[in-house]
Amino acid sequence: MGKINWKQKLTSRKFWAAVTGFVTAILMVFKVDEMTIEQVIAIISASSVLIAYIIGEGLVDAARVQTQDNSTDQD
């Protein structure tokens, strides 16, 4: 079994939909009230957007540095 690519997983909408569904089901099993479930899901959703943004910006910055390094090597 190969190594998990966490950058890809954490930026995947399918991954966050699965996390949200799993957490919702667990909270319902433990009879947590609906308002609390909605708040938890809102936090998960907001966190997923923030994590995806941070990773995306990191990848863009890394690509920019790589491009700059390649252009200075050719000079």
PDB file of N, CA and C in Angstrom:
ATOM      1  N   MET A   1       0.849  -1.175   0.000  1.00  0.00           N
ATOM      2  CA  MET A   1       0.000   0.000   0.000  1.00  0.00           C
ATOM      3  C   MET A   1       0.891   1.233   0.000  1.00  0.00           C
ATOM      4  N   GLY A   2       0.560   2.204  -0.847  1.00  0.00           N
ATOM      5  CA  GLY A   2       1.388   3.389  -1.007  1.00  0.00           C
ATOM      6  C   GLY A   2       1.204   4.405   0.105  1.00  0.00           C
ATOM      7  N   LYS A   3       2.081   5.373   0.082  1.00  0.00           N
ATOM      8  CA  LYS A   3       2.047   6.453   1.065  1.00  0.00           C
ATOM      9  C   LYS A   3       0.870   7.391   0.769  1.00  0.00           C
ATOM     10  N   ILE A   4       0.203   7.874   1.799  1.00  0.00           N
ATOM     11  CA  ILE A   4      -0.948   8.770   1.632  1.00  0.00           C
ATOM     12  C   ILE A   4      -0.455  10.167   1.296  1.00  0.00           C
ATOM     13  N   ASN A   5      -1.024  10.756   0.248  1.00  0.00           N
ATOM     14  CA  ASN A   5      -0.698  12.124  -0.144  1.00  0.00           C
ATOM     15  C   ASN A   5      -1.646  13.067   0.610  1.00  0.00           C
ATOM     16  N   TRP A   6      -1.208  13.555   1.773  1.00  0.00           N
ATOM     17  CA  TRP A   6      -2.077  14.363   2.629  1.00  0.00           C
ATOM     18  C   TRP A   6      -2.422  15.704   2.008  1.00  0.00           C
ATOM     19  N   LYS A   7      -1.532  16.277   1.218  1.00  0.00           N
ATOM     20  CA  LYS A   7      -1.853  17.543   0.547  1.00  0.00           C
ATOM     21  C   LYS A   7      -3.064  17.366  -0.352  1.00  0.00           C
ATOM     22  N   GLN A   8      -3.064  16.274  -1.102  1.00  0.00           N
ATOM     23  CA  GLN A   8      -4.178  15.997  -2.001  1.00  0.00           C
ATOM     24  C   GLN A   8      -5.455  15.702  -1.213  1.00  0.00           C
ATOM     25  N   LYS A   9      -5.343  14.920  -0.154  1.00  0.00           N
ATOM     26  CA  LYS A   9      -6.520  14.574   0.656  1.00  0.00           C
ATOM     27  C   LYS A   9      -7.144  15.810   1.300  1.00  0.00           C
ATOM     28  N   LEU A  10      -6.308  16.647   1.908  1.00  0.00           N
ATOM     29  CA  LEU A  10      -6.828  17.799   2.643  1.00  0.00           C
ATOM     30  C   LEU A  10      -7.413  18.878   1.745  1.00  0.00           C
ATOM     31  N   THR A  11      -7.096  18.847   0.464  1.00  0.00           N
ATOM     32  CA  THR A  11      -7.683  19.821  -0.458  1.00  0.00           C
ATOM     33  C   THR A  11      -8.837  19.218  -1.258  1.00  0.00           C
ATOM     34  N   SER A  12      -9.186  17.991  -0.964  1.00  0.00           N
ATOM     35  CA  SER A  12     -10.248  17.300  -1.692  1.00  0.00           C
ATOM     36  C   SER A  12     -11.623  17.603  -1.096  1.00  0.00           C
ATOM     37  N   ARG A  13     -12.554  18.036  -1.930  1.00  0.00           N
ATOM     38  CA  ARG A  13     -13.934  18.270  -1.468  1.00  0.00           C
ATOM     39  C   ARG A  13     -14.595  16.965  -1.053  1.00  0.00           C
ATOM     40  N   LYS A  14     -14.275  15.890  -1.754  1.00  0.00           N
ATOM     41  CA  LYS A  14     -14.849  14.583  -1.406  1.00  0.00           C
ATOM     42  C   LYS A  14     -14.402  14.147  -0.008  1.00  0.00           C
ATOM     43  N   PHE A  15     -13.147  14.397   0.317  1.00  0.00           N
ATOM     44  CA  PHE A  15     -12.638  14.051   1.646  1.00  0.00           C
ATOM     45  C   PHE A  15     -13.413  14.803   2.719  1.00  0.00           C
ATOM     46  N   TRP A  16     -13.589  16.112   2.540  1.00  0.00           N
ATOM     47  CA  TRP A  16     -14.283  16.912   3.545  1.00  0.00           C
ATOM     48  C   TRP A  16     -15.766  16.573   3.613  1.00  0.00           C
ATOM     49  N   ALA A  17     -16.364  16.196   2.485  1.00  0.00           N
ATOM     50  CA  ALA A  17     -17.758  15.743   2.509  1.00  0.00           C
ATOM     51  C   ALA A  17     -17.866  14.447   3.314  1.00  0.00           C
ATOM     52  N   ALA A  18     -16.887  13.561   3.148  1.00  0.00           N
ATOM     53  CA  ALA A  18     -16.880  12.306   3.910  1.00  0.00           C
ATOM     54  C   ALA A  18     -16.690  12.573   5.402  1.00  0.00           C
ATOM     55  N   VAL A  19     -15.784  13.476   5.745  1.00  0.00           N
ATOM     56  CA  VAL A  19     -15.563  13.829   7.154  1.00  0.00           C
ATOM     57  C   VAL A  19     -16.839  14.403   7.755  1.00  0.00           C
ATOM     58  N   THR A  20     -17.467  15.312   7.026  1.00  0.00           N
ATOM     59  CA  THR A  20     -18.705  15.940   7.497  1.00  0.00           C
ATOM     60  C   THR A  20     -19.796  14.898   7.714  1.00  0.00           C
ATOM     61  N   GLY A  21     -19.965  14.005   6.754  1.00  0.00           N
ATOM     62  CA  GLY A  21     -20.973  12.954   6.883  1.00  0.00           C
ATOM     63  C   GLY A  21     -20.700  12.032   8.055  1.00  0.00           C
ATOM     64  N   PHE A  22     -19.446  11.667   8.229  1.00  0.00           N
ATOM     65  CA  PHE A  22     -19.060  10.782   9.335  1.00  0.00           C
ATOM     66  C   PHE A  22     -19.322  11.442  10.683  1.00  0.00           C
ATOM     67  N   VAL A  23     -18.888  12.685  10.823  1.00  0.00           N
ATOM     68  CA  VAL A  23     -19.069  13.398  12.094  1.00  0.00           C
ATOM     69  C   VAL A  23     -20.555  13.591  12.389  1.00  0.00           C
ATOM     70  N   THR A  24     -21.328  13.939  11.362  1.00  0.00           N
ATOM     71  CA  THR A  24     -22.772  14.110  11.545  1.00  0.00           C
ATOM     72  C   THR A  24     -23.404  12.817  12.055  1.00  0.00           C
ATOM     73  N   ALA A  25     -23.058  11.707  11.437  1.00  0.00           N
ATOM     74  CA  ALA A  25     -23.622  10.420  11.850  1.00  0.00           C
ATOM     75  C   ALA A  25     -23.245  10.080  13.290  1.00  0.00           C
ATOM     76  N   ILE A  26     -21.995  10.305  13.651  1.00  0.00           N
ATOM     77  CA  ILE A  26     -21.547  10.017  15.022  1.00  0.00           C
ATOM     78  C   ILE A  26     -22.304  10.891  16.026  1.00  0.00           C
ATOM     79  N   LEU A  27     -22.449  12.169  15.708  1.00  0.00           N
ATOM     80  CA  LEU A  27     -23.160  13.069  16.624  1.00  0.00           C
ATOM     81  C   LEU A  27     -24.625  12.671  16.771  1.00  0.00           C
ATOM     82  N   MET A  28     -25.230  12.208  15.672  1.00  0.00           N
ATOM     83  CA  MET A  28     -26.627  11.778  15.745  1.00  0.00           C
ATOM     84  C   MET A  28     -26.769  10.513  16.591  1.00  0.00           C
ATOM     85  N   VAL A  29     -25.820   9.599  16.483  1.00  0.00           N
ATOM     86  CA  VAL A  29     -25.856   8.366  17.284  1.00  0.00           C
ATOM     87  C   VAL A  29     -25.836   8.693  18.774  1.00  0.00           C
ATOM     88  N   PHE A  30     -25.060   9.711  19.131  1.00  0.00           N
ATOM     89  CA  PHE A  30     -24.962  10.104  20.539  1.00  0.00           C
ATOM     90  C   PHE A  30     -26.039  11.108  20.950  1.00  0.00           C
ATOM     91  N   LYS A  31     -27.035  11.296  20.071  1.00  0.00           N
ATOM     92  CA  LYS A  31     -28.205  12.136  20.346  1.00  0.00           C
ATOM     93  C   LYS A  31     -27.840  13.578  20.726  1.00  0.00           C
ATOM     94  N   VAL A  32     -26.862  14.119  20.009  1.00  0.00           N
ATOM     95  CA  VAL A  32     -26.484  15.523  20.192  1.00  0.00           C
ATOM     96  C   VAL A  32     -27.576  16.371  19.550  1.00  0.00           C
ATOM     97  N   ASP A  33     -27.910  17.506  20.168  1.00  0.00           N
ATOM     98  CA  ASP A  33     -28.997  18.325  19.629  1.00  0.00           C
ATOM     99  C   ASP A  33     -28.609  18.921  18.266  1.00  0.00           C
ATOM    100  N   GLU A  34     -29.637  19.209  17.463  1.00  0.00           N
ATOM    101  CA  GLU A  34     -29.427  19.641  16.079  1.00  0.00           C
ATOM    102  C   GLU A  34     -28.624  20.928  15.963  1.00  0.00           C
ATOM    103  N   MET A  35     -28.826  21.863  16.868  1.00  0.00           N
ATOM    104  CA  MET A  35     -28.094  23.129  16.809  1.00  0.00           C
ATOM    105  C   MET A  35     -26.592  22.896  16.977  1.00  0.00           C
ATOM    106  N   THR A  36     -26.235  22.033  17.893  1.00  0.00           N
ATOM    107  CA  THR A  36     -24.819  21.712  18.105  1.00  0.00           C
ATOM    108  C   THR A  36     -24.238  21.018  16.877  1.00  0.00           C
ATOM    109  N   ILE A  37     -24.990  20.103  16.289  1.00  0.00           N
ATOM    110  CA  ILE A  37     -24.530  19.427  15.070  1.00  0.00           C
ATOM    111  C   ILE A  37     -24.282  20.448  13.969  1.00  0.00           C
ATOM    112  N   GLU A  38     -25.206  21.383  13.785  1.00  0.00           N
ATOM    113  CA  GLU A  38     -25.037  22.416  12.757  1.00  0.00           C
ATOM    114  C   GLU A  38     -23.791  23.257  13.015  1.00  0.00           C
ATOM    115  N   GLN A  39     -23.539  23.580  14.267  1.00  0.00           N
ATOM    116  CA  GLN A  39     -22.357  24.378  14.601  1.00  0.00           C
ATOM    117  C   GLN A  39     -21.067  23.600  14.337  1.00  0.00           C
ATOM    118  N   VAL A  40     -21.057  22.330  14.682  1.00  0.00           N
ATOM    119  CA  VAL A  40     -19.871  21.503  14.436  1.00  0.00           C
ATOM    120  C   VAL A  40     -19.607  21.385  12.935  1.00  0.00           C
ATOM    121  N   ILE A  41     -20.652  21.162  12.160  1.00  0.00           N
ATOM    122  CA  ILE A  41     -20.500  21.039  10.709  1.00  0.00           C
ATOM    123  C   ILE A  41     -20.034  22.361  10.103  1.00  0.00           C
ATOM    124  N   ALA A  42     -20.526  23.471  10.620  1.00  0.00           N
ATOM    125  CA  ALA A  42     -20.066  24.781  10.140  1.00  0.00           C
ATOM    126  C   ALA A  42     -18.575  24.970  10.413  1.00  0.00           C
ATOM    127  N   ILE A  43     -18.124  24.542  11.575  1.00  0.00           N
ATOM    128  CA  ILE A  43     -16.697  24.649  11.912  1.00  0.00           C
ATOM    129  C   ILE A  43     -15.860  23.758  10.998  1.00  0.00           C
ATOM    130  N   ILE A  44     -16.325  22.542  10.744  1.00  0.00           N
ATOM    131  CA  ILE A  44     -15.598  21.642   9.841  1.00  0.00           C
ATOM    132  C   ILE A  44     -15.528  22.246   8.441  1.00  0.00           C
ATOM    133  N   SER A  45     -16.642  22.782   7.964  1.00  0.00           N
ATOM    134  CA  SER A  45     -16.675  23.377   6.624  1.00  0.00           C
ATOM    135  C   SER A  45     -15.732  24.565   6.520  1.00  0.00           C
ATOM    136  N   ALA A  46     -15.776  25.442   7.503  1.00  0.00           N
ATOM    137  CA  ALA A  46     -14.893  26.613   7.492  1.00  0.00           C
ATOM    138  C   ALA A  46     -13.434  26.189   7.572  1.00  0.00           C
ATOM    139  N   SER A  47     -13.148  25.208   8.388  1.00  0.00           N
ATOM    140  CA  SER A  47     -11.771  24.717   8.521  1.00  0.00           C
ATOM    141  C   SER A  47     -11.269  24.111   7.220  1.00  0.00           C
ATOM    142  N   SER A  48     -12.134  23.373   6.538  1.00  0.00           N
ATOM    143  CA  SER A  48     -11.711  22.746   5.284  1.00  0.00           C
ATOM    144  C   SER A  48     -11.366  23.787   4.232  1.00  0.00           C
ATOM    145  N   VAL A  49     -12.139  24.859   4.175  1.00  0.00           N
ATOM    146  CA  VAL A  49     -11.839  25.938   3.226  1.00  0.00           C
ATOM    147  C   VAL A  49     -10.504  26.580   3.571  1.00  0.00           C
ATOM    148  N   LEU A  50     -10.283  26.846   4.832  1.00  0.00           N
ATOM    149  CA  LEU A  50      -9.034  27.474   5.268  1.00  0.00           C
ATOM    150  C   LEU A  50      -7.829  26.572   4.993  1.00  0.00           C
ATOM    151  N   ILE A  51      -7.945  25.300   5.300  1.00  0.00           N
ATOM    152  CA  ILE A  51      -6.850  24.355   5.060  1.00  0.00           C
ATOM    153  C   ILE A  51      -6.539  24.254   3.570  1.00  0.00           C
ATOM    154  N   ALA A  52      -7.581  24.141   2.747  1.00  0.00           N
ATOM    155  CA  ALA A  52      -7.371  24.064   1.298  1.00  0.00           C
ATOM    156  C   ALA A  52      -6.695  25.326   0.775  1.00  0.00           C
ATOM    157  N   TYR A  53      -7.094  26.481   1.274  1.00  0.00           N
ATOM    158  CA  TYR A  53      -6.485  27.744   0.851  1.00  0.00           C
ATOM    159  C   TYR A  53      -5.006  27.795   1.235  1.00  0.00           C
ATOM    160  N   ILE A  54      -4.699  27.433   2.464  1.00  0.00           N
ATOM    161  CA  ILE A  54      -3.313  27.477   2.937  1.00  0.00           C
ATOM    162  C   ILE A  54      -2.433  26.530   2.119  1.00  0.00           C
ATOM    163  N   ILE A  55      -2.898  25.314   1.893  1.00  0.00           N
ATOM    164  CA  ILE A  55      -2.117  24.360   1.110  1.00  0.00           C
ATOM    165  C   ILE A  55      -1.983  24.835  -0.332  1.00  0.00           C
ATOM    166  N   GLY A  56      -3.073  25.332  -0.897  1.00  0.00           N
ATOM    167  CA  GLY A  56      -3.027  25.843  -2.272  1.00  0.00           C
ATOM    168  C   GLY A  56      -2.038  26.977  -2.431  1.00  0.00           C
ATOM    169  N   GLU A  57      -2.052  27.911  -1.507  1.00  0.00           N
ATOM    170  CA  GLU A  57      -1.106  29.032  -1.564  1.00  0.00           C
ATOM    171  C   GLU A  57       0.327  28.552  -1.382  1.00  0.00           C
ATOM    172  N   GLY A  58       0.518  27.573  -0.533  1.00  0.00           N
ATOM    173  CA  GLY A  58       1.853  27.005  -0.351  1.00  0.00           C
ATOM    174  C   GLY A  58       2.377  26.366  -1.628  1.00  0.00           C
ATOM    175  N   LEU A  59       1.498  25.654  -2.330  1.00  0.00           N
ATOM    176  CA  LEU A  59       1.899  25.036  -3.594  1.00  0.00           C
ATOM    177  C   LEU A  59       2.223  26.084  -4.651  1.00  0.00           C
ATOM    178  N   VAL A  60       1.425  27.149  -4.706  1.00  0.00           N
ATOM    179  CA  VAL A  60       1.683  28.238  -5.656  1.00  0.00           C
ATOM    180  C   VAL A  60       3.012  28.907  -5.340  1.00  0.00           C
ATOM    181  N   ASP A  61       3.256  29.182  -4.071  1.00  0.00           N
ATOM    182  CA  ASP A  61       4.523  29.808  -3.669  1.00  0.00           C
ATOM    183  C   ASP A  61       5.715  28.910  -3.998  1.00  0.00           C
ATOM    184  N   ALA A  62       5.571  27.612  -3.755  1.00  0.00           N
ATOM    185  CA  ALA A  62       6.658  26.676  -4.056  1.00  0.00           C
ATOM    186  C   ALA A  62       6.938  26.633  -5.555  1.00  0.00           C
ATOM    187  N   ALA A  63       5.882  26.651  -6.363  1.00  0.00           N
ATOM    188  CA  ALA A  63       6.061  26.653  -7.818  1.00  0.00           C
ATOM    189  C   ALA A  63       6.742  27.938  -8.275  1.00  0.00           C
ATOM    190  N   ARG A  64       6.379  29.057  -7.663  1.00  0.00           N
ATOM    191  CA  ARG A  64       6.991  30.339  -8.014  1.00  0.00           C
ATOM    192  C   ARG A  64       8.488  30.326  -7.700  1.00  0.00           C
ATOM    193  N   VAL A  65       8.853  29.812  -6.547  1.00  0.00           N
ATOM    194  CA  VAL A  65      10.267  29.728  -6.161  1.00  0.00           C
ATOM    195  C   VAL A  65      11.016  28.809  -7.118  1.00  0.00           C
ATOM    196  N   GLN A  66      10.406  27.685  -7.465  1.00  0.00           N
ATOM    197  CA  GLN A  66      11.028  26.740  -8.397  1.00  0.00           C
ATOM    198  C   GLN A  66      11.261  27.396  -9.753  1.00  0.00           C
ATOM    199  N   THR A  67      10.283  28.161 -10.238  1.00  0.00           N
ATOM    200  CA  THR A  67      10.409  28.859 -11.517  1.00  0.00           C
ATOM    201  C   THR A  67      11.520  29.892 -11.453  1.00  0.00           C
ATOM    202  N   GLN A  68      11.596  30.630 -10.355  1.00  0.00           N
ATOM    203  CA  GLN A  68      12.652  31.634 -10.194  1.00  0.00           C
ATOM    204  C   GLN A  68      14.025  30.977 -10.130  1.00  0.00           C
ATOM    205  N   ASP A  69      14.129  29.846  -9.448  1.00  0.00           N
ATOM    206  CA  ASP A  69      15.401  29.127  -9.369  1.00  0.00           C
ATOM    207  C   ASP A  69      15.840  28.636 -10.744  1.00  0.00           C
ATOM    208  N   ASN A  70      14.892  28.138 -11.528  1.00  0.00           N
ATOM    209  CA  ASN A  70      15.215  27.651 -12.868  1.00  0.00           C
ATOM    210  C   ASN A  70      15.668  28.782 -13.779  1.00  0.00           C
ATOM    211  N   SER A  71      15.052  29.954 -13.646  1.00  0.00           N
ATOM    212  CA  SER A  71      15.428  31.073 -14.513  1.00  0.00           C
ATOM    213  C   SER A  71      16.797  31.632 -14.135  1.00  0.00           C
ATOM    214  N   THR A  72      17.163  31.616 -12.859  1.00  0.00           N
ATOM    215  CA  THR A  72      18.487  32.108 -12.459  1.00  0.00           C
ATOM    216  C   THR A  72      19.577  31.102 -12.808  1.00  0.00           C
ATOM    217  N   ASP A  73      19.245  29.807 -12.854  1.00  0.00           N
ATOM    218  CA  ASP A  73      20.221  28.792 -13.243  1.00  0.00           C
ATOM    219  C   ASP A  73      20.593  28.918 -14.715  1.00  0.00           C
ATOM    220  N   GLN A  74      19.668  29.395 -15.537  1.00  0.00           N
ATOM    221  CA  GLN A  74      19.905  29.511 -16.971  1.00  0.00           C
ATOM    222  C   GLN A  74      20.690  30.763 -17.324  1.00  0.00           C
ATOM    223  N   ASP A  75      20.752  31.733 -16.414  1.00  0.00           N
ATOM    224  CA  ASP A  75      21.466  32.991 -16.705  1.00  0.00           C
ATOM    225  C   ASP A  75      22.947  32.846 -16.664  1.00  0.00           C
TER     226      ASP A  75
END
